[in-house]
Amino acid sequence: MHIRRPAHLRFEYREAPEFALENLVSAGSSAAGRWLASAAHVDGEAEIELEDLALFQSVPEEGIAAGEPVMVALLRQHAAWLRDALGSSAGKVRFVDMARLGRNPARIIPGWQQFLTEHAAEGRPLRGVGEPIWSGRRPEELVECQLHEALLNVAVDPETPFWLICPYPVHSLDDSVIAEAYRSHPAVILQSAYQGNMHYAGRSHVDWIFGSPLPVLPTESQQFTLTPSNIRGVVDVVTLAASAAGFWSDKVTTLAAAVRRLAAGSLRRGAAQVIVKLWDLPQELIFEVSDDTAITDVMIGRRAPMGDDLDGLWFANQLCDLVQVRSTSSWTTVRLYAWK
C-alpha cells in the first residue's frame, strides 16, 4: 500500500450507536489516562487510515520536548507516515509493529508493561499511541482486542502517569465496534478536543466480557474427557489432529504442549475432569479446554509468571495464534486457535 501524508483530515463527531445505558457505569478516571480518537477522510486523496496528523504528531513531539519516554505501536504503514512527520525526532520514539505485537491481542499489554517497567525508576510521565483494532481483523481477534482495550484500565497502576491514545478508523469499522470502544475508553477526542465519555463502563465491563460464554461454533466437535489418570493421552490426540490439519512439526509440538499445560492447570485448580474439544475448520484448527473451576484473575496469561506458569496460559499466549479465556464462579473455558 502506497502511503502519502493526507492533505486534509478532519475530526468527525460520531455518536456512539444506541445501546443499553442502564447497563453502563458512569464515566470515571482511567488508570492509564486513555483516550479514544476518531476521524474521517474529507477527500479522496488521502491514503492513510489514521487520524489528524497534528494530533498524532503532537503526542510524541510533546513527550520528546518534555524528556518523556514515548512508545508508538502502529501498523507499519501508519508508523512510516508518523516517522516521516516527526523527521529527525523519530529516533527518540520507540516504534513497535502492532501487526506483530498484537497478532495475538493478549500479548499487547505485556508489551506496554515492559515499556512502563523499563522507565519506572525514572519517575517521569510516559506517552503512547496504540492501534490494536483495524479493518480486516478476524472476528475472534476483534473480540479479544475489545477485551484487551477494557483490560488496559485494570492493567496499569492508577498512580502511573501514562497517557495512551488509541486511534480508531471510524470510517472502516462497524458501528458495533465503535460502540464497544466507547465502553472501554474513559475519554474521547471529538472535534480535536478531549472529552469525558459518559458511555465508559469501567471494571464492570471487563467482568461482563470475561464472564460471558464464548460463541457456539457452527460445527460438531470431537470431544475427549481427561482425568489425572489419562491426561498424558491428550498429547497424542492433539498431535494427530494438528498433523492431519497440515501443520508442520514445530507447530504440532507447540499445540500439543499448550493443550496439555492447560488441561494440567485445570486439574491443578481442582477439576475432577477436563473436557477437551477440537474443531478442524477450513481456516483454523481450534482446541477448547473446559472445566468446572473458576479463574478470578482477569489478567491471567497477560502477566509474565514470577515462577512456574501453573495454568499454562502465559505459555499458550506466547506461542499460539489466539487464546480466548472466559470464566465464572462455576466454569472456565479456554480456546486456542491455529490459523491455517
C-alpha atoms as a PDB file:
ATOM      1  CA  MET A   1       0.000   0.000   0.000  1.00  0.00           C
ATOM      2  CA  HIS A   2       1.454   3.348  -1.010  1.00  0.00           C
ATOM      3  CA  ILE A   3       1.371   5.912   1.772  1.00  0.00           C
ATOM      4  CA  ARG A   4       1.117   9.653   1.327  1.00  0.00           C
ATOM      5  CA  ARG A   5       0.688  12.245   4.004  1.00  0.00           C
ATOM      6  CA  PRO A   6      -3.008  13.166   3.938  1.00  0.00           C
ATOM      7  CA  ALA A   7      -3.571  16.753   2.923  1.00  0.00           C
ATOM      8  CA  HIS A   8      -6.948  17.196   4.587  1.00  0.00           C
ATOM      9  CA  LEU A   9      -8.229  15.250   7.521  1.00  0.00           C
ATOM     10  CA  ARG A  10     -10.802  16.475   9.987  1.00  0.00           C
ATOM     11  CA  PHE A  11     -12.262  15.099  13.188  1.00  0.00           C
ATOM     12  CA  GLU A  12     -15.714  13.626  12.813  1.00  0.00           C
ATOM     13  CA  TYR A  13     -18.225  13.739  15.638  1.00  0.00           C
ATOM     14  CA  ARG A  14     -19.700  10.270  15.623  1.00  0.00           C
ATOM     15  CA  GLU A  15     -22.351   9.401  18.157  1.00  0.00           C
ATOM     16  CA  ALA A  16     -21.927   6.102  19.921  1.00  0.00           C
ATOM     17  CA  PRO A  17     -24.563   3.757  18.484  1.00  0.00           C
ATOM     18  CA  GLU A  18     -27.539   3.146  20.734  1.00  0.00           C
ATOM     19  CA  PHE A  19     -27.041   0.587  23.474  1.00  0.00           C
ATOM     20  CA  ALA A  20     -28.479  -0.074  26.895  1.00  0.00           C
ATOM     21  CA  LEU A  21     -27.211   2.753  29.062  1.00  0.00           C
ATOM     22  CA  GLU A  22     -28.719   1.214  32.174  1.00  0.00           C
ATOM     23  CA  ASN A  23     -26.046  -1.492  31.953  1.00  0.00           C
ATOM     24  CA  LEU A  24     -23.217   1.017  31.978  1.00  0.00           C
ATOM     25  CA  VAL A  25     -21.299   2.653  34.796  1.00  0.00           C
ATOM     26  CA  SER A  26     -20.875   6.410  34.737  1.00  0.00           C
ATOM     27  CA  ALA A  27     -17.606   7.719  33.332  1.00  0.00           C
ATOM     28  CA  GLY A  28     -14.622   7.690  35.623  1.00  0.00           C
ATOM     29  CA  SER A  29     -10.932   8.364  35.546  1.00  0.00           C
ATOM     30  CA  SER A  30      -8.731   5.923  33.676  1.00  0.00           C
ATOM     31  CA  ALA A  31      -5.868   4.040  35.217  1.00  0.00           C
ATOM     32  CA  ALA A  32      -3.974   4.564  32.016  1.00  0.00           C
ATOM     33  CA  GLY A  33      -5.150   8.074  31.121  1.00  0.00           C
ATOM     34  CA  ARG A  34      -6.581   6.752  27.863  1.00  0.00           C
ATOM     35  CA  TRP A  35      -8.488   8.436  25.086  1.00  0.00           C
ATOM     36  CA  LEU A  36     -10.318   7.106  22.064  1.00  0.00           C
ATOM     37  CA  ALA A  37      -9.597   9.116  18.917  1.00  0.00           C
ATOM     38  CA  SER A  38     -11.815   9.111  15.845  1.00  0.00           C
ATOM     39  CA  ALA A  39     -11.548  10.787  12.470  1.00  0.00           C
ATOM     40  CA  ALA A  40     -12.655  10.571   8.843  1.00  0.00           C
ATOM     41  CA  HIS A  41     -11.339  11.459   5.400  1.00  0.00           C
ATOM     42  CA  VAL A  42     -12.652  14.566   3.691  1.00  0.00           C
ATOM     43  CA  ASP A  43     -11.143  13.960   0.286  1.00  0.00           C
ATOM     44  CA  GLY A  44     -10.257  11.072  -1.956  1.00  0.00           C
ATOM     45  CA  GLU A  45      -6.547  11.788  -1.974  1.00  0.00           C
ATOM     46  CA  ALA A  46      -5.681  10.599   1.498  1.00  0.00           C
ATOM     47  CA  GLU A  47      -4.411   7.043   1.531  1.00  0.00           C
ATOM     48  CA  ILE A  48      -3.843   6.727   5.263  1.00  0.00           C
ATOM     49  CA  GLU A  49      -6.403   5.481   7.762  1.00  0.00           C
ATOM     50  CA  LEU A  50      -5.205   7.295  10.882  1.00  0.00           C
ATOM     51  CA  GLU A  51      -6.482  10.453  12.453  1.00  0.00           C
ATOM     52  CA  ASP A  52      -5.434  14.059  12.151  1.00  0.00           C
ATOM     53  CA  LEU A  53      -1.713  14.491  11.510  1.00  0.00           C
ATOM     54  CA  ALA A  54      -1.333  17.307  14.028  1.00  0.00           C
ATOM     55  CA  LEU A  55      -2.834  15.304  16.884  1.00  0.00           C
ATOM     56  CA  PHE A  56      -0.764  12.172  16.427  1.00  0.00           C
ATOM     57  CA  GLN A  57       2.388  14.077  15.719  1.00  0.00           C
ATOM     58  CA  SER A  58       1.855  16.129  18.864  1.00  0.00           C
ATOM     59  CA  VAL A  59       1.737  13.089  21.178  1.00  0.00           C
ATOM     60  CA  PRO A  60       5.375  12.051  20.624  1.00  0.00           C
ATOM     61  CA  GLU A  61       6.567  15.615  19.965  1.00  0.00           C
ATOM     62  CA  GLU A  62       5.300  16.881  23.311  1.00  0.00           C
ATOM     63  CA  GLY A  63       6.768  13.846  25.039  1.00  0.00           C
ATOM     64  CA  ILE A  64      10.155  14.383  23.398  1.00  0.00           C
ATOM     65  CA  ALA A  65      10.140  18.068  24.306  1.00  0.00           C
ATOM     66  CA  ALA A  66       9.403  17.212  27.940  1.00  0.00           C
ATOM     67  CA  GLY A  67      12.041  14.475  28.072  1.00  0.00           C
ATOM     68  CA  GLU A  68       9.388  11.778  28.490  1.00  0.00           C
ATOM     69  CA  PRO A  69       9.636   8.233  27.082  1.00  0.00           C
ATOM     70  CA  VAL A  70       7.311   7.616  24.141  1.00  0.00           C
ATOM     71  CA  MET A  71       6.200   4.341  22.574  1.00  0.00           C
ATOM     72  CA  VAL A  72       4.144   4.114  19.399  1.00  0.00           C
ATOM     73  CA  ALA A  73       2.571   0.780  18.420  1.00  0.00           C
ATOM     74  CA  LEU A  74       1.028   1.109  14.957  1.00  0.00           C
ATOM     75  CA  LEU A  75       0.687  -0.817  11.743  1.00  0.00           C
ATOM     76  CA  ARG A  76       3.819  -0.441   9.626  1.00  0.00           C
ATOM     77  CA  GLN A  77       2.286   1.866   7.045  1.00  0.00           C
ATOM     78  CA  HIS A  78       0.931   4.165   9.739  1.00  0.00           C
ATOM     79  CA  ALA A  79       4.245   4.146  11.599  1.00  0.00           C
ATOM     80  CA  ALA A  80       6.032   5.105   8.377  1.00  0.00           C
ATOM     81  CA  TRP A  81       3.703   8.038   7.976  1.00  0.00           C
ATOM     82  CA  LEU A  82       4.336   9.209  11.548  1.00  0.00           C
ATOM     83  CA  ARG A  83       8.107   8.741  11.224  1.00  0.00           C
ATOM     84  CA  ASP A  84       8.044  10.961   8.180  1.00  0.00           C
ATOM     85  CA  ALA A  85       6.038  13.601  10.040  1.00  0.00           C
ATOM     86  CA  LEU A  86       8.435  13.570  13.015  1.00  0.00           C
ATOM     87  CA  GLY A  87      11.555  13.838  10.887  1.00  0.00           C
ATOM     88  CA  SER A  88      14.799  13.685  12.833  1.00  0.00           C
ATOM     89  CA  SER A  89      12.906  13.395  16.140  1.00  0.00           C
ATOM     90  CA  ALA A  90      11.584   9.953  15.178  1.00  0.00           C
ATOM     91  CA  GLY A  91      14.747   8.335  16.526  1.00  0.00           C
ATOM     92  CA  LYS A  92      13.730   9.344  20.051  1.00  0.00           C
ATOM     93  CA  VAL A  93      10.497   7.360  19.849  1.00  0.00           C
ATOM     94  CA  ARG A  94      10.181   3.596  20.341  1.00  0.00           C
ATOM     95  CA  PHE A  95       8.241   2.274  17.363  1.00  0.00           C
ATOM     96  CA  VAL A  96       6.665  -1.179  17.633  1.00  0.00           C
ATOM     97  CA  ASP A  97       4.991  -3.071  14.794  1.00  0.00           C
ATOM     98  CA  MET A  98       1.463  -3.624  16.122  1.00  0.00           C
ATOM     99  CA  ALA A  99       0.693  -6.253  13.489  1.00  0.00           C
ATOM    100  CA  ARG A 100       3.433  -8.357  15.051  1.00  0.00           C
ATOM    101  CA  LEU A 101       2.975  -7.450  18.726  1.00  0.00           C
ATOM    102  CA  GLY A 102      -0.802  -7.656  18.504  1.00  0.00           C
ATOM    103  CA  ARG A 103      -1.122 -10.742  16.306  1.00  0.00           C
ATOM    104  CA  ASN A 104      -2.414 -12.352  19.481  1.00  0.00           C
ATOM    105  CA  PRO A 105      -4.050  -9.401  21.309  1.00  0.00           C
ATOM    106  CA  ALA A 106      -3.153 -10.900  24.697  1.00  0.00           C
ATOM    107  CA  ARG A 107       0.493 -10.004  24.024  1.00  0.00           C
ATOM    108  CA  ILE A 108      -0.161  -6.256  23.763  1.00  0.00           C
ATOM    109  CA  ILE A 109      -0.488  -5.464  27.475  1.00  0.00           C
ATOM    110  CA  PRO A 110       2.797  -7.253  28.290  1.00  0.00           C
ATOM    111  CA  GLY A 111       4.411  -5.058  25.621  1.00  0.00           C
ATOM    112  CA  TRP A 112       3.146  -1.891  27.290  1.00  0.00           C
ATOM    113  CA  GLN A 113       4.049  -3.241  30.736  1.00  0.00           C
ATOM    114  CA  GLN A 114       7.614  -3.869  29.615  1.00  0.00           C
ATOM    115  CA  PHE A 115       7.846  -0.274  28.385  1.00  0.00           C
ATOM    116  CA  LEU A 116       6.490   1.061  31.683  1.00  0.00           C
ATOM    117  CA  THR A 117       8.734  -1.179  33.768  1.00  0.00           C
ATOM    118  CA  GLU A 118      11.872  -0.157  31.885  1.00  0.00           C
ATOM    119  CA  HIS A 119      11.224   3.501  32.715  1.00  0.00           C
ATOM    120  CA  ALA A 120       9.614   3.120  36.160  1.00  0.00           C
ATOM    121  CA  ALA A 121      12.733   4.172  38.065  1.00  0.00           C
ATOM    122  CA  GLU A 122      12.948   7.439  36.122  1.00  0.00           C
ATOM    123  CA  GLY A 123       9.754   8.768  37.683  1.00  0.00           C
ATOM    124  CA  ARG A 124       8.739  10.622  34.550  1.00  0.00           C
ATOM    125  CA  PRO A 125       5.369  10.640  32.757  1.00  0.00           C
ATOM    126  CA  LEU A 126       5.138   8.345  29.740  1.00  0.00           C
ATOM    127  CA  ARG A 127       3.190   8.633  26.491  1.00  0.00           C
ATOM    128  CA  GLY A 128       1.907   6.128  23.983  1.00  0.00           C
ATOM    129  CA  VAL A 129      -0.139   5.610  20.858  1.00  0.00           C
ATOM    130  CA  GLY A 130      -1.622   2.139  20.380  1.00  0.00           C
ATOM    131  CA  GLU A 131      -3.614   0.784  17.424  1.00  0.00           C
ATOM    132  CA  PRO A 132      -4.917  -2.672  18.398  1.00  0.00           C
ATOM    133  CA  ILE A 133      -8.005  -2.621  16.162  1.00  0.00           C
ATOM    134  CA  TRP A 134      -8.038  -2.205  12.406  1.00  0.00           C
ATOM    135  CA  SER A 135     -10.234  -3.146   9.496  1.00  0.00           C
ATOM    136  CA  GLY A 136      -9.663  -6.751   8.418  1.00  0.00           C
ATOM    137  CA  ARG A 137      -9.169  -8.289  11.845  1.00  0.00           C
ATOM    138  CA  ARG A 138     -10.729 -11.748  12.194  1.00  0.00           C
ATOM    139  CA  PRO A 139     -13.928 -11.697  14.292  1.00  0.00           C
ATOM    140  CA  GLU A 140     -12.275 -13.763  17.037  1.00  0.00           C
ATOM    141  CA  GLU A 141      -9.290 -11.403  17.118  1.00  0.00           C
ATOM    142  CA  LEU A 142     -11.596  -8.404  17.289  1.00  0.00           C
ATOM    143  CA  VAL A 143     -13.397  -9.763  20.344  1.00  0.00           C
ATOM    144  CA  GLU A 144     -10.081 -10.305  22.118  1.00  0.00           C
ATOM    145  CA  CYS A 145      -8.917  -6.819  21.120  1.00  0.00           C
ATOM    146  CA  GLN A 146     -12.039  -5.458  22.781  1.00  0.00           C
ATOM    147  CA  LEU A 147     -11.260  -7.401  25.949  1.00  0.00           C
ATOM    148  CA  HIS A 148      -7.689  -6.077  25.741  1.00  0.00           C
ATOM    149  CA  GLU A 149      -8.935  -2.493  25.491  1.00  0.00           C
ATOM    150  CA  ALA A 150     -11.127  -2.924  28.568  1.00  0.00           C
ATOM    151  CA  LEU A 151      -8.317  -4.626  30.496  1.00  0.00           C
ATOM    152  CA  LEU A 152      -5.854  -1.785  29.901  1.00  0.00           C
ATOM    153  CA  ASN A 153      -7.682   0.241  32.516  1.00  0.00           C
ATOM    154  CA  VAL A 154      -7.105  -2.580  35.004  1.00  0.00           C
ATOM    155  CA  ALA A 155      -3.551  -3.444  33.977  1.00  0.00           C
ATOM    156  CA  VAL A 156      -1.904  -0.076  34.645  1.00  0.00           C
ATOM    157  CA  ASP A 157      -1.477   1.194  38.194  1.00  0.00           C
ATOM    158  CA  PRO A 158      -3.619   4.328  38.718  1.00  0.00           C
ATOM    159  CA  GLU A 159      -0.567   6.109  40.099  1.00  0.00           C
ATOM    160  CA  THR A 160       1.402   5.576  36.867  1.00  0.00           C
ATOM    161  CA  PRO A 161       1.481   8.824  34.822  1.00  0.00           C
ATOM    162  CA  PHE A 162       0.885   7.122  31.476  1.00  0.00           C
ATOM    163  CA  TRP A 163      -1.090   8.800  28.697  1.00  0.00           C
ATOM    164  CA  LEU A 164      -2.203   6.481  25.904  1.00  0.00           C
ATOM    165  CA  ILE A 165      -4.195   7.386  22.792  1.00  0.00           C
ATOM    166  CA  CYS A 166      -5.956   4.625  20.832  1.00  0.00           C
ATOM    167  CA  PRO A 167      -6.787   5.576  17.214  1.00  0.00           C
ATOM    168  CA  TYR A 168      -9.893   4.065  15.622  1.00  0.00           C
ATOM    169  CA  PRO A 169     -10.557   4.432  11.854  1.00  0.00           C
ATOM    170  CA  VAL A 170     -14.285   5.013  12.290  1.00  0.00           C
ATOM    171  CA  HIS A 171     -14.965   5.129   8.553  1.00  0.00           C
ATOM    172  CA  SER A 172     -13.902   1.478   8.109  1.00  0.00           C
ATOM    173  CA  LEU A 173     -15.215  -0.155  11.294  1.00  0.00           C
ATOM    174  CA  ASP A 174     -18.713  -1.400  12.062  1.00  0.00           C
ATOM    175  CA  ASP A 175     -20.920   0.656  14.374  1.00  0.00           C
ATOM    176  CA  SER A 176     -20.872  -2.179  16.920  1.00  0.00           C
ATOM    177  CA  VAL A 177     -17.075  -1.915  17.133  1.00  0.00           C
ATOM    178  CA  ILE A 178     -17.272   1.824  17.774  1.00  0.00           C
ATOM    179  CA  ALA A 179     -19.950   1.288  20.442  1.00  0.00           C
ATOM    180  CA  GLU A 180     -17.679  -1.213  22.186  1.00  0.00           C
ATOM    181  CA  ALA A 181     -14.778   1.245  22.006  1.00  0.00           C
ATOM    182  CA  TYR A 182     -16.863   3.828  23.838  1.00  0.00           C
ATOM    183  CA  ARG A 183     -17.431   1.335  26.645  1.00  0.00           C
ATOM    184  CA  SER A 184     -13.700   0.824  27.234  1.00  0.00           C
ATOM    185  CA  HIS A 185     -12.304   4.384  26.987  1.00  0.00           C
ATOM    186  CA  PRO A 186     -12.815   6.935  29.785  1.00  0.00           C
ATOM    187  CA  ALA A 187     -12.374   9.841  27.373  1.00  0.00           C
ATOM    188  CA  VAL A 188     -12.704  10.511  23.662  1.00  0.00           C
ATOM    189  CA  ILE A 189     -11.268  13.011  21.232  1.00  0.00           C
ATOM    190  CA  LEU A 190     -14.030  14.739  19.312  1.00  0.00           C
ATOM    191  CA  GLN A 191     -13.614  17.856  17.213  1.00  0.00           C
ATOM    192  CA  SER A 192      -9.924  17.829  18.238  1.00  0.00           C
ATOM    193  CA  ALA A 193     -10.853  18.186  21.922  1.00  0.00           C
ATOM    194  CA  TYR A 194     -10.649  15.763  24.840  1.00  0.00           C
ATOM    195  CA  GLN A 195     -13.992  14.938  26.476  1.00  0.00           C
ATOM    196  CA  GLY A 196     -15.189  12.693  29.233  1.00  0.00           C
ATOM    197  CA  ASN A 197     -17.084   9.665  27.959  1.00  0.00           C
ATOM    198  CA  MET A 198     -20.482   9.002  29.581  1.00  0.00           C
ATOM    199  CA  HIS A 199     -20.589   5.522  27.992  1.00  0.00           C
ATOM    200  CA  TYR A 200     -17.400   4.304  29.713  1.00  0.00           C
ATOM    201  CA  ALA A 201     -18.287   1.131  31.625  1.00  0.00           C
ATOM    202  CA  GLY A 202     -15.160   0.590  33.721  1.00  0.00           C
ATOM    203  CA  ARG A 203     -14.282  -2.603  35.571  1.00  0.00           C
ATOM    204  CA  SER A 204     -17.829  -3.959  35.392  1.00  0.00           C
ATOM    205  CA  HIS A 205     -17.460  -4.208  31.628  1.00  0.00           C
ATOM    206  CA  VAL A 206     -14.258  -6.242  31.994  1.00  0.00           C
ATOM    207  CA  ASP A 207     -16.081  -8.647  34.305  1.00  0.00           C
ATOM    208  CA  TRP A 208     -19.008  -8.881  31.897  1.00  0.00           C
ATOM    209  CA  ILE A 209     -16.783  -9.792  28.922  1.00  0.00           C
ATOM    210  CA  PHE A 210     -14.646 -12.196  30.959  1.00  0.00           C
ATOM    211  CA  GLY A 211     -17.739 -13.952  32.321  1.00  0.00           C
ATOM    212  CA  SER A 212     -19.645 -14.239  29.023  1.00  0.00           C
ATOM    213  CA  PRO A 213     -19.706 -17.599  27.215  1.00  0.00           C
ATOM    214  CA  LEU A 214     -17.729 -17.864  24.000  1.00  0.00           C
ATOM    215  CA  PRO A 215     -19.816 -18.112  20.803  1.00  0.00           C
ATOM    216  CA  VAL A 216     -21.111 -21.525  19.838  1.00  0.00           C
ATOM    217  CA  LEU A 217     -19.099 -22.849  16.912  1.00  0.00           C
ATOM    218  CA  PRO A 218     -21.055 -23.863  13.805  1.00  0.00           C
ATOM    219  CA  THR A 219     -19.993 -27.480  13.503  1.00  0.00           C
ATOM    220  CA  GLU A 220     -19.820 -30.532  15.737  1.00  0.00           C
ATOM    221  CA  SER A 221     -16.590 -31.079  17.605  1.00  0.00           C
ATOM    222  CA  GLN A 222     -14.557 -34.084  18.548  1.00  0.00           C
ATOM    223  CA  GLN A 223     -14.632 -34.408  22.334  1.00  0.00           C
ATOM    224  CA  PHE A 224     -12.409 -36.088  24.899  1.00  0.00           C
ATOM    225  CA  THR A 225     -12.616 -36.351  28.678  1.00  0.00           C
ATOM    226  CA  LEU A 226      -9.380 -36.123  30.641  1.00  0.00           C
ATOM    227  CA  THR A 227      -8.678 -37.117  34.222  1.00  0.00           C
ATOM    228  CA  PRO A 228      -5.419 -37.363  36.187  1.00  0.00           C
ATOM    229  CA  SER A 229      -5.096 -40.950  35.026  1.00  0.00           C
ATOM    230  CA  ASN A 230      -5.205 -40.287  31.267  1.00  0.00           C
ATOM    231  CA  ILE A 231      -4.005 -36.714  30.835  1.00  0.00           C
ATOM    232  CA  ARG A 232      -0.850 -37.833  29.058  1.00  0.00           C
ATOM    233  CA  GLY A 233      -3.012 -39.084  26.202  1.00  0.00           C
ATOM    234  CA  VAL A 234      -4.005 -35.545  25.221  1.00  0.00           C
ATOM    235  CA  VAL A 235      -0.614 -35.075  23.556  1.00  0.00           C
ATOM    236  CA  ASP A 236      -1.364 -37.904  21.130  1.00  0.00           C
ATOM    237  CA  VAL A 237      -4.848 -36.538  20.416  1.00  0.00           C
ATOM    238  CA  VAL A 238      -3.579 -33.029  19.623  1.00  0.00           C
ATOM    239  CA  THR A 239      -0.592 -34.299  17.669  1.00  0.00           C
ATOM    240  CA  LEU A 240      -2.792 -36.440  15.443  1.00  0.00           C
ATOM    241  CA  ALA A 241      -5.329 -33.637  14.852  1.00  0.00           C
ATOM    242  CA  ALA A 242      -2.707 -30.964  14.114  1.00  0.00           C
ATOM    243  CA  SER A 243      -0.775 -33.246  11.794  1.00  0.00           C
ATOM    244  CA  ALA A 244      -3.955 -34.190   9.908  1.00  0.00           C
ATOM    245  CA  ALA A 245      -4.760 -30.475   9.555  1.00  0.00           C
ATOM    246  CA  GLY A 246      -1.457 -29.944   7.725  1.00  0.00           C
ATOM    247  CA  PHE A 247       0.661 -28.196  10.333  1.00  0.00           C
ATOM    248  CA  TRP A 248       4.438 -28.596  10.451  1.00  0.00           C
ATOM    249  CA  SER A 249       6.109 -30.468  13.286  1.00  0.00           C
ATOM    250  CA  ASP A 250       7.096 -27.400  15.328  1.00  0.00           C
ATOM    251  CA  LYS A 251       3.508 -26.090  15.359  1.00  0.00           C
ATOM    252  CA  VAL A 252       2.200 -29.568  16.189  1.00  0.00           C
ATOM    253  CA  THR A 253       4.570 -29.786  19.153  1.00  0.00           C
ATOM    254  CA  THR A 254       3.582 -26.308  20.360  1.00  0.00           C
ATOM    255  CA  LEU A 255      -0.140 -27.012  20.214  1.00  0.00           C
ATOM    256  CA  ALA A 256       0.226 -30.360  21.978  1.00  0.00           C
ATOM    257  CA  ALA A 257       2.278 -28.783  24.768  1.00  0.00           C
ATOM    258  CA  ALA A 258      -0.154 -25.873  25.153  1.00  0.00           C
ATOM    259  CA  VAL A 259      -3.259 -28.062  25.416  1.00  0.00           C
ATOM    260  CA  ARG A 260      -1.552 -30.413  27.871  1.00  0.00           C
ATOM    261  CA  ARG A 261      -0.479 -27.497  30.084  1.00  0.00           C
ATOM    262  CA  LEU A 262      -3.981 -26.045  30.057  1.00  0.00           C
ATOM    263  CA  ALA A 263      -5.519 -29.410  30.966  1.00  0.00           C
ATOM    264  CA  ALA A 264      -2.974 -29.869  33.751  1.00  0.00           C
ATOM    265  CA  GLY A 265      -3.821 -26.371  35.000  1.00  0.00           C
ATOM    266  CA  SER A 266      -7.498 -27.328  35.166  1.00  0.00           C
ATOM    267  CA  LEU A 267      -6.720 -30.392  37.258  1.00  0.00           C
ATOM    268  CA  ARG A 268      -4.401 -28.350  39.462  1.00  0.00           C
ATOM    269  CA  ARG A 269      -7.240 -25.898  40.149  1.00  0.00           C
ATOM    270  CA  GLY A 270      -9.314 -28.822  41.422  1.00  0.00           C
ATOM    271  CA  ALA A 271     -11.289 -30.049  38.399  1.00  0.00           C
ATOM    272  CA  ALA A 272     -12.283 -33.704  38.665  1.00  0.00           C
ATOM    273  CA  GLN A 273     -12.220 -33.950  34.893  1.00  0.00           C
ATOM    274  CA  VAL A 274     -11.425 -31.774  31.895  1.00  0.00           C
ATOM    275  CA  ILE A 275     -13.318 -31.665  28.607  1.00  0.00           C
ATOM    276  CA  VAL A 276     -11.171 -31.119  25.509  1.00  0.00           C
ATOM    277  CA  LYS A 277     -12.889 -30.376  22.202  1.00  0.00           C
ATOM    278  CA  LEU A 278     -11.403 -29.794  18.772  1.00  0.00           C
ATOM    279  CA  TRP A 279     -12.681 -28.376  15.513  1.00  0.00           C
ATOM    280  CA  ASP A 280     -10.798 -28.763  12.240  1.00  0.00           C
ATOM    281  CA  LEU A 281     -12.275 -25.908  10.175  1.00  0.00           C
ATOM    282  CA  PRO A 282     -11.245 -24.637   6.722  1.00  0.00           C
ATOM    283  CA  GLN A 283      -9.367 -21.597   8.075  1.00  0.00           C
ATOM    284  CA  GLU A 284      -8.343 -22.684  11.556  1.00  0.00           C
ATOM    285  CA  LEU A 285      -7.799 -25.532  13.966  1.00  0.00           C
ATOM    286  CA  ILE A 286      -9.409 -24.899  17.354  1.00  0.00           C
ATOM    287  CA  PHE A 287      -8.870 -26.630  20.677  1.00  0.00           C
ATOM    288  CA  GLU A 288     -11.080 -25.943  23.690  1.00  0.00           C
ATOM    289  CA  VAL A 289     -10.273 -26.871  27.275  1.00  0.00           C
ATOM    290  CA  SER A 290     -13.117 -26.517  29.791  1.00  0.00           C
ATOM    291  CA  ASP A 291     -13.786 -27.483  33.392  1.00  0.00           C
ATOM    292  CA  ASP A 292     -15.941 -26.642  36.422  1.00  0.00           C
ATOM    293  CA  THR A 293     -13.400 -24.472  38.251  1.00  0.00           C
ATOM    294  CA  ALA A 294     -13.158 -20.686  38.474  1.00  0.00           C
ATOM    295  CA  ILE A 295     -10.463 -18.220  37.407  1.00  0.00           C
ATOM    296  CA  THR A 296     -10.840 -14.906  39.222  1.00  0.00           C
ATOM    297  CA  ASP A 297      -7.791 -13.118  37.800  1.00  0.00           C
ATOM    298  CA  VAL A 298      -8.968 -11.322  34.643  1.00  0.00           C
ATOM    299  CA  MET A 299      -5.338 -10.587  33.769  1.00  0.00           C
ATOM    300  CA  ILE A 300      -4.359 -14.265  33.694  1.00  0.00           C
ATOM    301  CA  GLY A 301      -1.998 -15.071  30.845  1.00  0.00           C
ATOM    302  CA  ARG A 302      -1.115 -11.405  30.381  1.00  0.00           C
ATOM    303  CA  ARG A 303       1.459 -11.145  33.160  1.00  0.00           C
ATOM    304  CA  ALA A 304       4.832 -12.847  32.949  1.00  0.00           C
ATOM    305  CA  PRO A 305       4.771 -15.546  35.650  1.00  0.00           C
ATOM    306  CA  MET A 306       7.025 -14.931  38.642  1.00  0.00           C
ATOM    307  CA  GLY A 307       7.568 -18.678  38.998  1.00  0.00           C
ATOM    308  CA  ASP A 308       6.014 -21.661  37.262  1.00  0.00           C
ATOM    309  CA  ASP A 309       3.264 -20.916  34.745  1.00  0.00           C
ATOM    310  CA  LEU A 310       0.850 -23.170  36.612  1.00  0.00           C
ATOM    311  CA  ASP A 311      -2.186 -22.504  34.430  1.00  0.00           C
ATOM    312  CA  GLY A 312      -0.262 -22.656  31.140  1.00  0.00           C
ATOM    313  CA  LEU A 313      -1.945 -19.509  29.826  1.00  0.00           C
ATOM    314  CA  TRP A 314       1.197 -17.385  29.551  1.00  0.00           C
ATOM    315  CA  PHE A 315       2.836 -20.187  27.579  1.00  0.00           C
ATOM    316  CA  ALA A 316      -0.218 -20.519  25.332  1.00  0.00           C
ATOM    317  CA  ASN A 317      -0.398 -16.778  24.658  1.00  0.00           C
ATOM    318  CA  GLN A 318       3.252 -16.590  23.679  1.00  0.00           C
ATOM    319  CA  LEU A 319       3.078 -19.470  21.207  1.00  0.00           C
ATOM    320  CA  CYS A 320      -0.485 -19.712  19.877  1.00  0.00           C
ATOM    321  CA  ASP A 321      -2.124 -17.503  17.256  1.00  0.00           C
ATOM    322  CA  LEU A 322      -5.050 -16.629  19.505  1.00  0.00           C
ATOM    323  CA  VAL A 323      -6.182 -17.574  23.012  1.00  0.00           C
ATOM    324  CA  GLN A 324      -9.612 -16.865  24.490  1.00  0.00           C
ATOM    325  CA  VAL A 325     -10.267 -17.239  28.228  1.00  0.00           C
ATOM    326  CA  ARG A 326     -13.667 -16.938  29.880  1.00  0.00           C
ATOM    327  CA  SER A 327     -14.642 -17.883  33.431  1.00  0.00           C
ATOM    328  CA  THR A 328     -17.373 -17.575  36.052  1.00  0.00           C
ATOM    329  CA  SER A 329     -17.741 -18.989  39.542  1.00  0.00           C
ATOM    330  CA  SER A 330     -18.802 -22.344  38.088  1.00  0.00           C
ATOM    331  CA  TRP A 331     -16.903 -22.860  34.820  1.00  0.00           C
ATOM    332  CA  THR A 332     -13.786 -21.951  32.840  1.00  0.00           C
ATOM    333  CA  THR A 333     -13.295 -22.243  29.084  1.00  0.00           C
ATOM    334  CA  VAL A 334     -10.084 -21.671  27.130  1.00  0.00           C
ATOM    335  CA  ARG A 335      -9.897 -21.796  23.320  1.00  0.00           C
ATOM    336  CA  LEU A 336      -6.689 -21.996  21.319  1.00  0.00           C
ATOM    337  CA  TYR A 337      -6.606 -21.066  17.633  1.00  0.00           C
ATOM    338  CA  ALA A 338      -4.081 -22.066  14.994  1.00  0.00           C
ATOM    339  CA  TRP A 339      -4.568 -20.256  11.695  1.00  0.00           C
ATOM    340  CA  LYS A 340      -4.071 -22.329   8.551  1.00  0.00           C
END
